[in-house]
Amino acid sequence: MKYSVIIPVYNSIEYMSRVFDFIKSQHRQDVEYIFVDDCSKDDSFLRVTEVCNSILSDYSTQILQTSETPGLGTKADLWFQEGGKGCVIGMNAKDNPLFVKKDGGEVDAITAATISSRAFCDAINRAYKAIKYGGNE
């Protein structure tokens, strides 16, 4: 293949027929179409799979689907909700560096992967040190 076209698929079942029509109109053998579904909540993945196995079977297609659960980015606001799990309001890296409870600290992990919460605490601690020491540490 000479070219790869990456097509994001996320809750986009209503738009996919236009994408399929576009692909069918191309008649190119030097292009592969890669559909990437990022945990759609509708039937987008199923629809893409059906079409790629039937109508687009003469085209080079790949279908990738992530199955990862939502992580740090989708839950970061929980650290700033008073009384919520993982709340950091009122904590001060000056007085006590932030660490997750599994590491002996006071911050609850807000995702299943403690590493995300560790990364957040580390970022807070580094930011404090950068401000305190003018970026010299």
Protein backbone atom coordinates (compact mmCIF):
# COMPACT_ATOMS: atom_id res chain seq x y z
CA MET A 1 0.00 0.00 0.00
CA LYS A 2 1.18 3.47 -0.81
CA TYR A 3 -1.26 5.43 1.36
CA SER A 4 -3.11 4.80 4.59
CA VAL A 5 -6.24 6.71 5.50
CA ILE A 6 -7.10 6.63 9.20
CA ILE A 7 -10.78 7.07 9.92
CA PRO A 8 -11.78 7.74 13.54
CA VAL A 9 -14.96 5.98 14.57
CA TYR A 10 -16.60 7.12 17.79
CA ASN A 11 -20.38 7.09 18.09
CA SER A 12 -20.52 7.98 14.42
CA ILE A 13 -22.92 5.43 13.01
CA GLU A 14 -25.08 8.17 11.48
CA TYR A 15 -22.14 9.48 9.42
CA MET A 16 -20.53 6.24 8.33
CA SER A 17 -22.64 5.69 5.22
CA ARG A 18 -21.12 8.89 3.75
CA VAL A 19 -17.65 7.57 4.54
CA PHE A 20 -18.44 4.23 2.89
CA ASP A 21 -19.81 6.00 -0.19
CA PHE A 22 -16.65 8.08 -0.43
CA ILE A 23 -14.43 5.01 -0.21
CA LYS A 24 -16.44 3.20 -2.89
CA SER A 25 -16.11 6.22 -5.20
CA GLN A 26 -12.30 6.21 -5.01
CA HIS A 27 -11.50 2.98 -6.89
CA ARG A 28 -7.91 3.09 -5.67
CA GLN A 29 -5.82 0.03 -5.07
CA ASP A 30 -2.91 1.91 -3.46
CA VAL A 31 -4.89 3.00 -0.39
CA GLU A 32 -5.71 1.14 2.78
CA TYR A 33 -8.50 2.38 5.04
CA ILE A 34 -7.96 1.97 8.76
CA PHE A 35 -11.01 2.43 10.95
CA VAL A 36 -10.24 3.14 14.61
CA ASP A 37 -13.09 2.78 17.08
CA ASP A 38 -12.42 4.27 20.50
CA CYS A 39 -15.00 2.54 22.71
CA SER A 40 -18.10 3.74 20.87
CA LYS A 41 -21.30 3.42 22.84
CA ASP A 42 -23.45 3.02 19.74
CA ASP A 43 -23.23 0.29 17.07
CA SER A 44 -20.54 2.06 15.02
CA PHE A 45 -18.01 -0.74 15.41
CA LEU A 46 -20.50 -3.41 14.38
CA ARG A 47 -21.64 -1.41 11.37
CA VAL A 48 -18.08 -0.76 10.18
CA THR A 49 -17.25 -4.45 10.58
CA GLU A 50 -20.31 -5.52 8.59
CA VAL A 51 -19.61 -3.08 5.75
CA CYS A 52 -15.90 -3.89 5.56
CA ASN A 53 -16.71 -7.60 5.36
CA SER A 54 -19.32 -7.12 2.64
CA ILE A 55 -19.57 -3.92 0.57
CA LEU A 56 -15.90 -2.97 1.04
CA SER A 57 -14.48 -6.49 0.88
CA ASP A 58 -12.57 -5.63 -2.33
CA TYR A 59 -10.79 -2.76 -0.59
CA SER A 60 -7.88 -2.94 1.80
CA THR A 61 -9.42 -2.23 5.20
CA GLN A 62 -8.46 -2.71 8.82
CA ILE A 63 -10.62 -2.21 11.86
CA LEU A 64 -9.06 -1.42 15.20
CA GLN A 65 -11.02 -1.16 18.40
CA THR A 66 -9.73 0.05 21.73
CA SER A 67 -11.14 -1.57 24.82
CA GLU A 68 -9.34 0.51 27.40
CA THR A 69 -11.40 1.94 30.18
CA PRO A 70 -11.55 5.70 30.66
CA GLY A 71 -8.50 6.93 32.47
CA LEU A 72 -7.07 9.97 34.14
CA GLY A 73 -8.31 12.54 31.65
CA THR A 74 -11.94 11.59 32.08
CA LYS A 75 -11.80 11.72 35.88
CA ALA A 76 -9.32 14.51 36.70
CA ASP A 77 -12.13 16.82 37.80
CA LEU A 78 -12.72 14.51 40.80
CA TRP A 79 -9.56 15.85 42.43
CA PHE A 80 -11.21 19.26 42.64
CA GLN A 81 -14.63 18.29 43.99
CA GLU A 82 -14.96 19.08 47.67
CA GLY A 83 -15.32 15.85 49.63
CA GLY A 84 -15.03 13.69 46.53
CA LYS A 85 -12.81 10.66 46.12
CA GLY A 86 -9.26 11.85 45.58
CA CYS A 87 -10.03 15.46 46.54
CA VAL A 88 -6.83 17.55 46.80
CA ILE A 89 -8.50 20.82 47.78
CA GLY A 90 -6.65 22.29 50.75
CA MET A 91 -3.63 20.03 50.34
CA ASN A 92 -0.39 21.90 50.00
CA ALA A 93 2.73 20.43 48.40
CA LYS A 94 4.74 22.91 50.48
CA ASP A 95 3.61 21.33 53.74
CA ASN A 96 3.30 17.74 52.55
CA PRO A 97 4.26 16.41 49.13
CA LEU A 98 1.27 14.66 47.56
CA PHE A 99 1.31 10.88 47.33
CA VAL A 100 -1.43 8.31 46.74
CA LYS A 101 -2.59 6.25 49.71
CA LYS A 102 -0.93 3.10 48.34
CA ASP A 103 2.37 4.98 48.65
CA GLY A 104 1.64 6.24 52.18
CA GLY A 105 0.06 9.54 51.16
CA GLU A 106 -3.35 11.11 51.58
CA VAL A 107 -4.67 11.14 48.00
CA ASP A 108 -7.13 8.45 46.92
CA ALA A 109 -6.48 6.92 43.53
CA ILE A 110 -9.35 7.97 41.29
CA THR A 111 -8.74 5.50 38.49
CA ALA A 112 -8.29 1.76 38.56
CA ALA A 113 -4.70 2.30 37.49
CA THR A 114 -2.90 3.85 40.46
CA ILE A 115 -0.14 4.97 38.11
CA SER A 116 -2.40 7.73 36.72
CA SER A 117 -2.98 9.11 40.20
CA ARG A 118 0.74 8.81 40.94
CA ALA A 119 1.49 10.80 37.79
CA PHE A 120 -0.93 13.52 38.91
CA CYS A 121 0.65 13.76 42.36
CA ASP A 122 4.12 13.80 40.84
CA ALA A 123 3.10 16.65 38.51
CA ILE A 124 1.80 18.69 41.46
CA ASN A 125 4.99 18.08 43.43
CA ARG A 126 7.19 18.99 40.46
CA ALA A 127 5.17 22.13 39.76
CA TYR A 128 5.56 23.23 43.36
CA LYS A 129 9.32 22.64 43.26
CA ALA A 130 9.62 24.52 39.95
CA ILE A 131 7.83 27.51 41.43
CA LYS A 132 9.72 27.36 44.73
CA TYR A 133 13.15 26.92 43.21
CA GLY A 134 12.59 28.85 39.99
CA GLY A 135 12.92 25.76 37.85
CA ASN A 136 16.37 24.97 39.27
CA GLU A 137 15.43 21.64 40.77
